[in-house]
Amino acid sequence: MHKIAFQIGALPIHWYGVFVALGFGVGLWNASRRASKVGISPDTVWDSGLWIIVGTIVGARLLYVLTYWQQDLAGKPWTEIFMVHHGGLVFYGGFIGAVLCTVVYLIVKKLPLWKFGDVMAPGIALGYAIGRIGCLMNGCCYGAPTSVPWAIHFPKDHETGGVGVHPTVIYETLLNIPLYFFLAWLFHRRKFDGQVFATYLMGYAVLRSFVEFFRGDYQVLYGGWATQAHLISFGIFIAGLILFFTLRRPLPQPRHERA
């Protein structure tokens, strides 16, 4: 756990921000290389980046503040709400915020929504796998205590007290890398627009729900076992399932001329 990457004068640059920014950059680059295959300019992907970044940060920070107010922010100066470089971005909040901002961008630019979603989906998984490493360096999103051989130990002054815990962010990184490769493979074999994006929603929801069973940083569990992310994952999975069957269209059949 090393929060500070380097300093520029008196300004500390946090590893959390470095890896999140790297994840954004790699994800957009990856999507831009795929865009031309569906008739979308690579520049369009890069142009959407600002909208995606703003939506992600606002949505991710808002959900974090709502979720961890009592645990991390109560009693601190209100300005701490805006200190995103200290960590504290919830992926689902950022994902929803990014989707909403991207939809607005695509409507304004009159671009195809589901084609764009298919282009972006593999890059989201890849960028996420990279960004999660920032959580490890920041010491957040940690796992429950465990004695497994691959347990990690944060410093004694960490919330975990230095005991061995599940490396949940490493789990997520390792699971999202094969998800990326699967989505990239599916992109070239998709049968309808929106198939890759809908598959990403369902795939990520399942992977996230699995990892949530090993998380140890939640103070509130619903029904004694479910985390907030479990509940959101269920909704995301259902949304992906609905999209998959709603967007699916039979392939056009060749027309036969009558003699």
C-alpha atoms as a PDB file:
ATOM      1  CA  MET A   1       0.000   0.000   0.000  1.00  0.00           C
ATOM      2  CA  HIS A   2       1.665   3.204  -1.240  1.00  0.00           C
ATOM      3  CA  LYS A   3      -0.711   6.105  -1.744  1.00  0.00           C
ATOM      4  CA  ILE A   4       1.730   8.674  -3.133  1.00  0.00           C
ATOM      5  CA  ALA A   5       3.305   7.996  -6.518  1.00  0.00           C
ATOM      6  CA  PHE A   6       5.411  11.174  -6.687  1.00  0.00           C
ATOM      7  CA  GLN A   7       5.215  14.873  -6.010  1.00  0.00           C
ATOM      8  CA  ILE A   8       5.178  17.893  -8.281  1.00  0.00           C
ATOM      9  CA  GLY A   9       6.464  20.591  -5.988  1.00  0.00           C
ATOM     10  CA  ALA A  10       4.156  20.518  -2.976  1.00  0.00           C
ATOM     11  CA  LEU A  11       1.431  18.642  -4.880  1.00  0.00           C
ATOM     12  CA  PRO A  12       1.311  14.887  -4.172  1.00  0.00           C
ATOM     13  CA  ILE A  13       0.246  12.680  -7.062  1.00  0.00           C
ATOM     14  CA  HIS A  14      -1.615   9.624  -5.797  1.00  0.00           C
ATOM     15  CA  TRP A  15      -1.296   6.161  -7.312  1.00  0.00           C
ATOM     16  CA  TYR A  16      -5.082   5.912  -7.166  1.00  0.00           C
ATOM     17  CA  GLY A  17      -5.444   8.785  -9.616  1.00  0.00           C
ATOM     18  CA  VAL A  18      -2.596   7.521 -11.785  1.00  0.00           C
ATOM     19  CA  PHE A  19      -4.163   4.091 -12.311  1.00  0.00           C
ATOM     20  CA  VAL A  20      -7.691   5.463 -12.765  1.00  0.00           C
ATOM     21  CA  ALA A  21      -6.392   7.878 -15.423  1.00  0.00           C
ATOM     22  CA  LEU A  22      -4.402   5.066 -17.041  1.00  0.00           C
ATOM     23  CA  GLY A  23      -7.518   2.888 -17.088  1.00  0.00           C
ATOM     24  CA  PHE A  24      -9.504   5.659 -18.801  1.00  0.00           C
ATOM     25  CA  GLY A  25      -6.777   6.197 -21.376  1.00  0.00           C
ATOM     26  CA  VAL A  26      -6.276   2.531 -22.216  1.00  0.00           C
ATOM     27  CA  GLY A  27     -10.026   1.909 -22.365  1.00  0.00           C
ATOM     28  CA  LEU A  28     -10.611   4.789 -24.787  1.00  0.00           C
ATOM     29  CA  TRP A  29      -7.607   3.793 -26.902  1.00  0.00           C
ATOM     30  CA  ASN A  30      -8.843   0.239 -27.086  1.00  0.00           C
ATOM     31  CA  ALA A  31     -12.332   1.339 -28.108  1.00  0.00           C
ATOM     32  CA  SER A  32     -10.983   3.776 -30.711  1.00  0.00           C
ATOM     33  CA  ARG A  33      -9.180   0.916 -32.474  1.00  0.00           C
ATOM     34  CA  ARG A  34     -12.474  -0.960 -32.739  1.00  0.00           C
ATOM     35  CA  ALA A  35     -14.722   1.930 -33.764  1.00  0.00           C
ATOM     36  CA  SER A  36     -14.011   2.017 -37.504  1.00  0.00           C
ATOM     37  CA  LYS A  37     -15.236  -1.573 -37.836  1.00  0.00           C
ATOM     38  CA  VAL A  38     -18.815  -0.356 -37.290  1.00  0.00           C
ATOM     39  CA  GLY A  39     -18.490   2.898 -39.204  1.00  0.00           C
ATOM     40  CA  ILE A  40     -17.701   5.141 -36.223  1.00  0.00           C
ATOM     41  CA  SER A  41     -14.706   7.454 -36.393  1.00  0.00           C
ATOM     42  CA  PRO A  42     -11.983   6.770 -33.792  1.00  0.00           C
ATOM     43  CA  ASP A  43     -11.974  10.520 -33.119  1.00  0.00           C
ATOM     44  CA  THR A  44     -15.593  10.217 -31.988  1.00  0.00           C
ATOM     45  CA  VAL A  45     -14.520   7.829 -29.225  1.00  0.00           C
ATOM     46  CA  TRP A  46     -11.812  10.216 -28.051  1.00  0.00           C
ATOM     47  CA  ASP A  47     -14.227  13.153 -28.229  1.00  0.00           C
ATOM     48  CA  SER A  48     -16.641  11.274 -25.972  1.00  0.00           C
ATOM     49  CA  GLY A  49     -13.882  10.885 -23.396  1.00  0.00           C
ATOM     50  CA  LEU A  50     -14.552  14.178 -21.615  1.00  0.00           C
ATOM     51  CA  TRP A  51     -18.251  13.360 -21.253  1.00  0.00           C
ATOM     52  CA  ILE A  52     -17.407   9.900 -19.961  1.00  0.00           C
ATOM     53  CA  ILE A  53     -14.831  11.179 -17.485  1.00  0.00           C
ATOM     54  CA  VAL A  54     -17.138  13.866 -16.085  1.00  0.00           C
ATOM     55  CA  GLY A  55     -20.056  11.438 -15.774  1.00  0.00           C
ATOM     56  CA  THR A  56     -17.843   8.804 -14.187  1.00  0.00           C
ATOM     57  CA  ILE A  57     -16.280  11.053 -11.566  1.00  0.00           C
ATOM     58  CA  VAL A  58     -19.519  12.787 -10.591  1.00  0.00           C
ATOM     59  CA  GLY A  59     -21.529   9.556 -10.428  1.00  0.00           C
ATOM     60  CA  ALA A  60     -18.795   7.564  -8.694  1.00  0.00           C
ATOM     61  CA  ARG A  61     -18.149  10.208  -6.064  1.00  0.00           C
ATOM     62  CA  LEU A  62     -21.844  10.823  -5.436  1.00  0.00           C
ATOM     63  CA  LEU A  63     -22.543   7.148  -4.743  1.00  0.00           C
ATOM     64  CA  TYR A  64     -19.432   6.935  -2.542  1.00  0.00           C
ATOM     65  CA  VAL A  65     -20.546   9.912  -0.468  1.00  0.00           C
ATOM     66  CA  LEU A  66     -24.027   8.452  -0.060  1.00  0.00           C
ATOM     67  CA  THR A  67     -22.662   5.011   0.835  1.00  0.00           C
ATOM     68  CA  TYR A  68     -19.723   5.875   3.106  1.00  0.00           C
ATOM     69  CA  TRP A  69     -20.817   9.165   4.669  1.00  0.00           C
ATOM     70  CA  GLN A  70     -20.968   7.839   8.227  1.00  0.00           C
ATOM     71  CA  GLN A  71     -17.919   5.615   7.825  1.00  0.00           C
ATOM     72  CA  ASP A  72     -15.457   7.983   6.127  1.00  0.00           C
ATOM     73  CA  LEU A  73     -16.797  11.527   5.785  1.00  0.00           C
ATOM     74  CA  ALA A  74     -18.941  12.438   8.809  1.00  0.00           C
ATOM     75  CA  GLY A  75     -17.189  15.009  10.967  1.00  0.00           C
ATOM     76  CA  LYS A  76     -14.631  15.931   8.292  1.00  0.00           C
ATOM     77  CA  PRO A  77     -14.549  19.276   6.439  1.00  0.00           C
ATOM     78  CA  TRP A  78     -17.202  19.410   3.708  1.00  0.00           C
ATOM     79  CA  THR A  79     -14.432  20.063   1.181  1.00  0.00           C
ATOM     80  CA  GLU A  80     -13.369  16.422   1.621  1.00  0.00           C
ATOM     81  CA  ILE A  81     -16.366  15.528  -0.563  1.00  0.00           C
ATOM     82  CA  PHE A  82     -14.458  16.862  -3.578  1.00  0.00           C
ATOM     83  CA  MET A  83     -11.091  15.243  -2.791  1.00  0.00           C
ATOM     84  CA  VAL A  84     -11.429  12.414  -5.298  1.00  0.00           C
ATOM     85  CA  HIS A  85      -7.638  12.058  -5.508  1.00  0.00           C
ATOM     86  CA  HIS A  86      -7.747  10.660  -1.970  1.00  0.00           C
ATOM     87  CA  GLY A  87      -9.782   7.714  -3.263  1.00  0.00           C
ATOM     88  CA  GLY A  88     -13.460   7.076  -2.876  1.00  0.00           C
ATOM     89  CA  LEU A  89     -15.049   6.378  -6.248  1.00  0.00           C
ATOM     90  CA  VAL A  90     -17.736   3.707  -6.488  1.00  0.00           C
ATOM     91  CA  PHE A  91     -17.658   1.984  -9.871  1.00  0.00           C
ATOM     92  CA  TYR A  92     -21.384   1.453 -10.254  1.00  0.00           C
ATOM     93  CA  GLY A  93     -22.068   5.129  -9.590  1.00  0.00           C
ATOM     94  CA  GLY A  94     -19.414   6.076 -12.119  1.00  0.00           C
ATOM     95  CA  PHE A  95     -20.701   3.588 -14.662  1.00  0.00           C
ATOM     96  CA  ILE A  96     -24.263   4.877 -14.438  1.00  0.00           C
ATOM     97  CA  GLY A  97     -23.059   8.485 -14.606  1.00  0.00           C
ATOM     98  CA  ALA A  98     -20.870   7.712 -17.615  1.00  0.00           C
ATOM     99  CA  VAL A  99     -23.703   5.941 -19.441  1.00  0.00           C
ATOM    100  CA  LEU A 100     -26.076   8.866 -18.903  1.00  0.00           C
ATOM    101  CA  CYS A 101     -23.532  11.427 -20.110  1.00  0.00           C
ATOM    102  CA  THR A 102     -22.588   9.271 -23.089  1.00  0.00           C
ATOM    103  CA  VAL A 103     -26.235   8.886 -24.108  1.00  0.00           C
ATOM    104  CA  VAL A 104     -26.587  12.679 -24.093  1.00  0.00           C
ATOM    105  CA  TYR A 105     -23.403  12.989 -26.163  1.00  0.00           C
ATOM    106  CA  LEU A 106     -24.627  10.439 -28.713  1.00  0.00           C
ATOM    107  CA  ILE A 107     -28.027  12.115 -28.987  1.00  0.00           C
ATOM    108  CA  VAL A 108     -26.404  15.515 -29.540  1.00  0.00           C
ATOM    109  CA  LYS A 109     -24.036  14.084 -32.164  1.00  0.00           C
ATOM    110  CA  LYS A 110     -26.765  11.854 -33.667  1.00  0.00           C
ATOM    111  CA  LEU A 111     -24.643   8.731 -33.343  1.00  0.00           C
ATOM    112  CA  PRO A 112     -25.852   5.094 -33.110  1.00  0.00           C
ATOM    113  CA  LEU A 113     -26.304   4.242 -29.434  1.00  0.00           C
ATOM    114  CA  TRP A 114     -25.949   0.466 -29.448  1.00  0.00           C
ATOM    115  CA  LYS A 115     -23.131   0.322 -31.984  1.00  0.00           C
ATOM    116  CA  PHE A 116     -21.235   2.726 -29.760  1.00  0.00           C
ATOM    117  CA  GLY A 117     -22.012   0.613 -26.700  1.00  0.00           C
ATOM    118  CA  ASP A 118     -20.577  -2.465 -28.419  1.00  0.00           C
ATOM    119  CA  VAL A 119     -17.439  -0.543 -29.330  1.00  0.00           C
ATOM    120  CA  MET A 120     -16.915   0.642 -25.761  1.00  0.00           C
ATOM    121  CA  ALA A 121     -17.800  -2.497 -23.775  1.00  0.00           C
ATOM    122  CA  PRO A 122     -14.507  -4.434 -24.084  1.00  0.00           C
ATOM    123  CA  GLY A 123     -12.531  -1.270 -23.308  1.00  0.00           C
ATOM    124  CA  ILE A 124     -14.588  -0.710 -20.151  1.00  0.00           C
ATOM    125  CA  ALA A 125     -13.579  -4.146 -18.847  1.00  0.00           C
ATOM    126  CA  LEU A 126      -9.926  -3.559 -19.744  1.00  0.00           C
ATOM    127  CA  GLY A 127      -9.791  -0.068 -18.252  1.00  0.00           C
ATOM    128  CA  TYR A 128     -11.526  -1.289 -15.110  1.00  0.00           C
ATOM    129  CA  ALA A 129      -8.957  -4.056 -14.630  1.00  0.00           C
ATOM    130  CA  ILE A 130      -6.212  -1.431 -14.679  1.00  0.00           C
ATOM    131  CA  GLY A 131      -8.022   1.126 -12.533  1.00  0.00           C
ATOM    132  CA  ARG A 132      -8.654  -1.419  -9.767  1.00  0.00           C
ATOM    133  CA  ILE A 133      -4.909  -1.583  -9.112  1.00  0.00           C
ATOM    134  CA  GLY A 134      -5.219   1.992  -7.881  1.00  0.00           C
ATOM    135  CA  CYS A 135      -7.610   0.755  -5.182  1.00  0.00           C
ATOM    136  CA  LEU A 136      -4.970  -1.716  -4.022  1.00  0.00           C
ATOM    137  CA  MET A 137      -2.352   1.026  -3.766  1.00  0.00           C
ATOM    138  CA  ASN A 138      -4.839   3.235  -1.921  1.00  0.00           C
ATOM    139  CA  GLY A 139      -5.882   0.520   0.537  1.00  0.00           C
ATOM    140  CA  CYS A 140      -9.596   0.757  -0.220  1.00  0.00           C
ATOM    141  CA  CYS A 141     -12.133  -1.869  -1.304  1.00  0.00           C
ATOM    142  CA  TYR A 142     -10.310  -4.410   0.838  1.00  0.00           C
ATOM    143  CA  GLY A 143     -11.442  -7.939   1.599  1.00  0.00           C
ATOM    144  CA  ALA A 144     -12.616  -9.828   4.633  1.00  0.00           C
ATOM    145  CA  PRO A 145     -10.088 -11.397   7.042  1.00  0.00           C
ATOM    146  CA  THR A 146      -8.729 -14.728   5.812  1.00  0.00           C
ATOM    147  CA  SER A 147      -5.887 -17.175   6.317  1.00  0.00           C
ATOM    148  CA  VAL A 148      -5.589 -18.259   2.669  1.00  0.00           C
ATOM    149  CA  PRO A 149      -1.972 -18.384   1.404  1.00  0.00           C
ATOM    150  CA  TRP A 150      -2.548 -15.447  -0.970  1.00  0.00           C
ATOM    151  CA  ALA A 151      -3.937 -13.116   1.712  1.00  0.00           C
ATOM    152  CA  ILE A 152      -2.490  -9.611   1.684  1.00  0.00           C
ATOM    153  CA  HIS A 153      -1.535  -7.520   4.713  1.00  0.00           C
ATOM    154  CA  PHE A 154      -1.994  -3.766   4.837  1.00  0.00           C
ATOM    155  CA  PRO A 155      -0.025  -1.656   7.343  1.00  0.00           C
ATOM    156  CA  LYS A 156      -0.902  -1.905  11.046  1.00  0.00           C
ATOM    157  CA  ASP A 157      -2.570   1.516  11.012  1.00  0.00           C
ATOM    158  CA  HIS A 158      -4.919   0.459   8.190  1.00  0.00           C
ATOM    159  CA  GLU A 159      -8.591  -0.261   8.942  1.00  0.00           C
ATOM    160  CA  THR A 160      -7.791  -3.985   8.755  1.00  0.00           C
ATOM    161  CA  GLY A 161      -5.218  -3.711  11.555  1.00  0.00           C
ATOM    162  CA  GLY A 162      -2.646  -5.519   9.454  1.00  0.00           C
ATOM    163  CA  VAL A 163      -4.413  -8.907   9.491  1.00  0.00           C
ATOM    164  CA  GLY A 164      -4.533 -11.009   6.346  1.00  0.00           C
ATOM    165  CA  VAL A 165      -7.455 -10.159   4.064  1.00  0.00           C
ATOM    166  CA  HIS A 166      -8.749 -11.305   0.703  1.00  0.00           C
ATOM    167  CA  PRO A 167      -7.134  -9.283  -2.147  1.00  0.00           C
ATOM    168  CA  THR A 168     -10.539  -8.460  -3.603  1.00  0.00           C
ATOM    169  CA  VAL A 169      -9.302  -5.809  -6.030  1.00  0.00           C
ATOM    170  CA  ILE A 170      -6.811  -8.318  -7.436  1.00  0.00           C
ATOM    171  CA  TYR A 171      -9.669 -10.783  -7.834  1.00  0.00           C
ATOM    172  CA  GLU A 172     -11.567  -8.198  -9.846  1.00  0.00           C
ATOM    173  CA  THR A 173      -8.586  -7.377 -12.031  1.00  0.00           C
ATOM    174  CA  LEU A 174      -7.921 -11.049 -12.764  1.00  0.00           C
ATOM    175  CA  LEU A 175     -11.606 -11.684 -13.563  1.00  0.00           C
ATOM    176  CA  ASN A 176     -12.059  -8.627 -15.791  1.00  0.00           C
ATOM    177  CA  ILE A 177      -9.087  -9.462 -18.016  1.00  0.00           C
ATOM    178  CA  PRO A 178     -10.710 -12.661 -19.399  1.00  0.00           C
ATOM    179  CA  LEU A 179     -14.011 -10.757 -19.571  1.00  0.00           C
ATOM    180  CA  TYR A 180     -12.254  -8.245 -21.826  1.00  0.00           C
ATOM    181  CA  PHE A 181     -10.888 -10.964 -24.112  1.00  0.00           C
ATOM    182  CA  PHE A 182     -14.291 -12.627 -24.326  1.00  0.00           C
ATOM    183  CA  LEU A 183     -16.035  -9.360 -25.217  1.00  0.00           C
ATOM    184  CA  ALA A 184     -13.363  -8.521 -27.804  1.00  0.00           C
ATOM    185  CA  TRP A 185     -13.891 -11.987 -29.320  1.00  0.00           C
ATOM    186  CA  LEU A 186     -17.675 -11.553 -29.245  1.00  0.00           C
ATOM    187  CA  PHE A 187     -17.479  -8.150 -30.938  1.00  0.00           C
ATOM    188  CA  HIS A 188     -16.351  -9.772 -34.192  1.00  0.00           C
ATOM    189  CA  ARG A 189     -19.113 -12.382 -33.946  1.00  0.00           C
ATOM    190  CA  ARG A 190     -22.031 -10.293 -32.682  1.00  0.00           C
ATOM    191  CA  LYS A 191     -25.421 -10.936 -34.256  1.00  0.00           C
ATOM    192  CA  PHE A 192     -27.068  -7.605 -33.438  1.00  0.00           C
ATOM    193  CA  ASP A 193     -26.173  -4.114 -32.242  1.00  0.00           C
ATOM    194  CA  GLY A 194     -26.055  -3.949 -28.471  1.00  0.00           C
ATOM    195  CA  GLN A 195     -25.170  -7.615 -27.976  1.00  0.00           C
ATOM    196  CA  VAL A 196     -21.665  -6.942 -26.651  1.00  0.00           C
ATOM    197  CA  PHE A 197     -22.801  -4.172 -24.321  1.00  0.00           C
ATOM    198  CA  ALA A 198     -25.667  -6.258 -22.942  1.00  0.00           C
ATOM    199  CA  THR A 199     -23.289  -9.181 -22.440  1.00  0.00           C
ATOM    200  CA  TYR A 200     -20.886  -6.910 -20.574  1.00  0.00           C
ATOM    201  CA  LEU A 201     -23.662  -5.803 -18.218  1.00  0.00           C
ATOM    202  CA  MET A 202     -24.567  -9.385 -17.376  1.00  0.00           C
ATOM    203  CA  GLY A 203     -20.980 -10.625 -17.229  1.00  0.00           C
ATOM    204  CA  TYR A 204     -19.686  -7.865 -15.005  1.00  0.00           C
ATOM    205  CA  ALA A 205     -22.696  -8.117 -12.685  1.00  0.00           C
ATOM    206  CA  VAL A 206     -21.991 -11.812 -12.130  1.00  0.00           C
ATOM    207  CA  LEU A 207     -18.258 -11.304 -11.569  1.00  0.00           C
ATOM    208  CA  ARG A 208     -18.831  -8.389  -9.206  1.00  0.00           C
ATOM    209  CA  SER A 209     -21.434 -10.297  -7.219  1.00  0.00           C
ATOM    210  CA  PHE A 210     -18.985 -13.169  -6.779  1.00  0.00           C
ATOM    211  CA  VAL A 211     -16.194 -10.914  -5.500  1.00  0.00           C
ATOM    212  CA  GLU A 212     -18.575  -9.112  -3.139  1.00  0.00           C
ATOM    213  CA  PHE A 213     -18.781 -12.252  -1.001  1.00  0.00           C
ATOM    214  CA  PHE A 214     -15.131 -11.667  -0.087  1.00  0.00           C
ATOM    215  CA  ARG A 215     -15.364  -7.937   0.663  1.00  0.00           C
ATOM    216  CA  GLY A 216     -14.724  -6.729   4.192  1.00  0.00           C
ATOM    217  CA  ASP A 217     -15.181  -2.955   4.022  1.00  0.00           C
ATOM    218  CA  TYR A 218     -18.972  -2.737   4.263  1.00  0.00           C
ATOM    219  CA  GLN A 219     -20.632  -1.758   7.527  1.00  0.00           C
ATOM    220  CA  VAL A 220     -24.161  -2.441   6.270  1.00  0.00           C
ATOM    221  CA  LEU A 221     -25.276  -5.815   4.927  1.00  0.00           C
ATOM    222  CA  TYR A 222     -28.800  -6.376   3.668  1.00  0.00           C
ATOM    223  CA  GLY A 223     -30.416  -9.548   4.910  1.00  0.00           C
ATOM    224  CA  GLY A 224     -27.203 -10.292   6.762  1.00  0.00           C
ATOM    225  CA  TRP A 225     -25.181 -11.073   3.630  1.00  0.00           C
ATOM    226  CA  ALA A 226     -25.881  -8.775   0.647  1.00  0.00           C
ATOM    227  CA  THR A 227     -23.808  -5.673   0.007  1.00  0.00           C
ATOM    228  CA  GLN A 228     -25.012  -2.576  -1.784  1.00  0.00           C
ATOM    229  CA  ALA A 229     -23.108  -3.772  -4.863  1.00  0.00           C
ATOM    230  CA  HIS A 230     -24.978  -7.086  -4.732  1.00  0.00           C
ATOM    231  CA  LEU A 231     -28.263  -5.226  -5.040  1.00  0.00           C
ATOM    232  CA  ILE A 232     -27.023  -2.983  -7.842  1.00  0.00           C
ATOM    233  CA  SER A 233     -25.475  -5.978  -9.631  1.00  0.00           C
ATOM    234  CA  PHE A 234     -28.852  -7.695  -9.624  1.00  0.00           C
ATOM    235  CA  GLY A 235     -30.425  -4.646 -11.268  1.00  0.00           C
ATOM    236  CA  ILE A 236     -27.596  -4.362 -13.802  1.00  0.00           C
ATOM    237  CA  PHE A 237     -27.894  -8.046 -14.687  1.00  0.00           C
ATOM    238  CA  ILE A 238     -31.645  -7.721 -15.253  1.00  0.00           C
ATOM    239  CA  ALA A 239     -31.061  -4.610 -17.392  1.00  0.00           C
ATOM    240  CA  GLY A 240     -28.523  -6.521 -19.494  1.00  0.00           C
ATOM    241  CA  LEU A 241     -30.888  -9.466 -19.864  1.00  0.00           C
ATOM    242  CA  ILE A 242     -33.741  -7.210 -20.978  1.00  0.00           C
ATOM    243  CA  LEU A 243     -31.496  -5.424 -23.478  1.00  0.00           C
ATOM    244  CA  PHE A 244     -30.205  -8.710 -24.843  1.00  0.00           C
ATOM    245  CA  PHE A 245     -33.655 -10.035 -25.693  1.00  0.00           C
ATOM    246  CA  THR A 246     -35.147  -6.657 -26.648  1.00  0.00           C
ATOM    247  CA  LEU A 247     -32.384  -5.714 -29.089  1.00  0.00           C
ATOM    248  CA  ARG A 248     -32.004  -9.150 -30.614  1.00  0.00           C
ATOM    249  CA  ARG A 249     -33.370  -9.249 -34.127  1.00  0.00           C
ATOM    250  CA  PRO A 250     -33.421 -12.146 -36.555  1.00  0.00           C
ATOM    251  CA  LEU A 251     -30.772 -11.907 -39.246  1.00  0.00           C
ATOM    252  CA  PRO A 252     -32.156 -10.622 -42.546  1.00  0.00           C
ATOM    253  CA  GLN A 253     -32.993 -13.455 -44.919  1.00  0.00           C
ATOM    254  CA  PRO A 254     -31.849 -13.280 -48.553  1.00  0.00           C
ATOM    255  CA  ARG A 255     -34.625 -12.252 -50.903  1.00  0.00           C
ATOM    256  CA  HIS A 256     -35.487 -14.706 -53.670  1.00  0.00           C
ATOM    257  CA  GLU A 257     -36.716 -13.351 -56.965  1.00  0.00           C
ATOM    258  CA  ARG A 258     -39.829 -14.987 -58.300  1.00  0.00           C
ATOM    259  CA  ALA A 259     -39.428 -16.492 -61.762  1.00  0.00           C
END
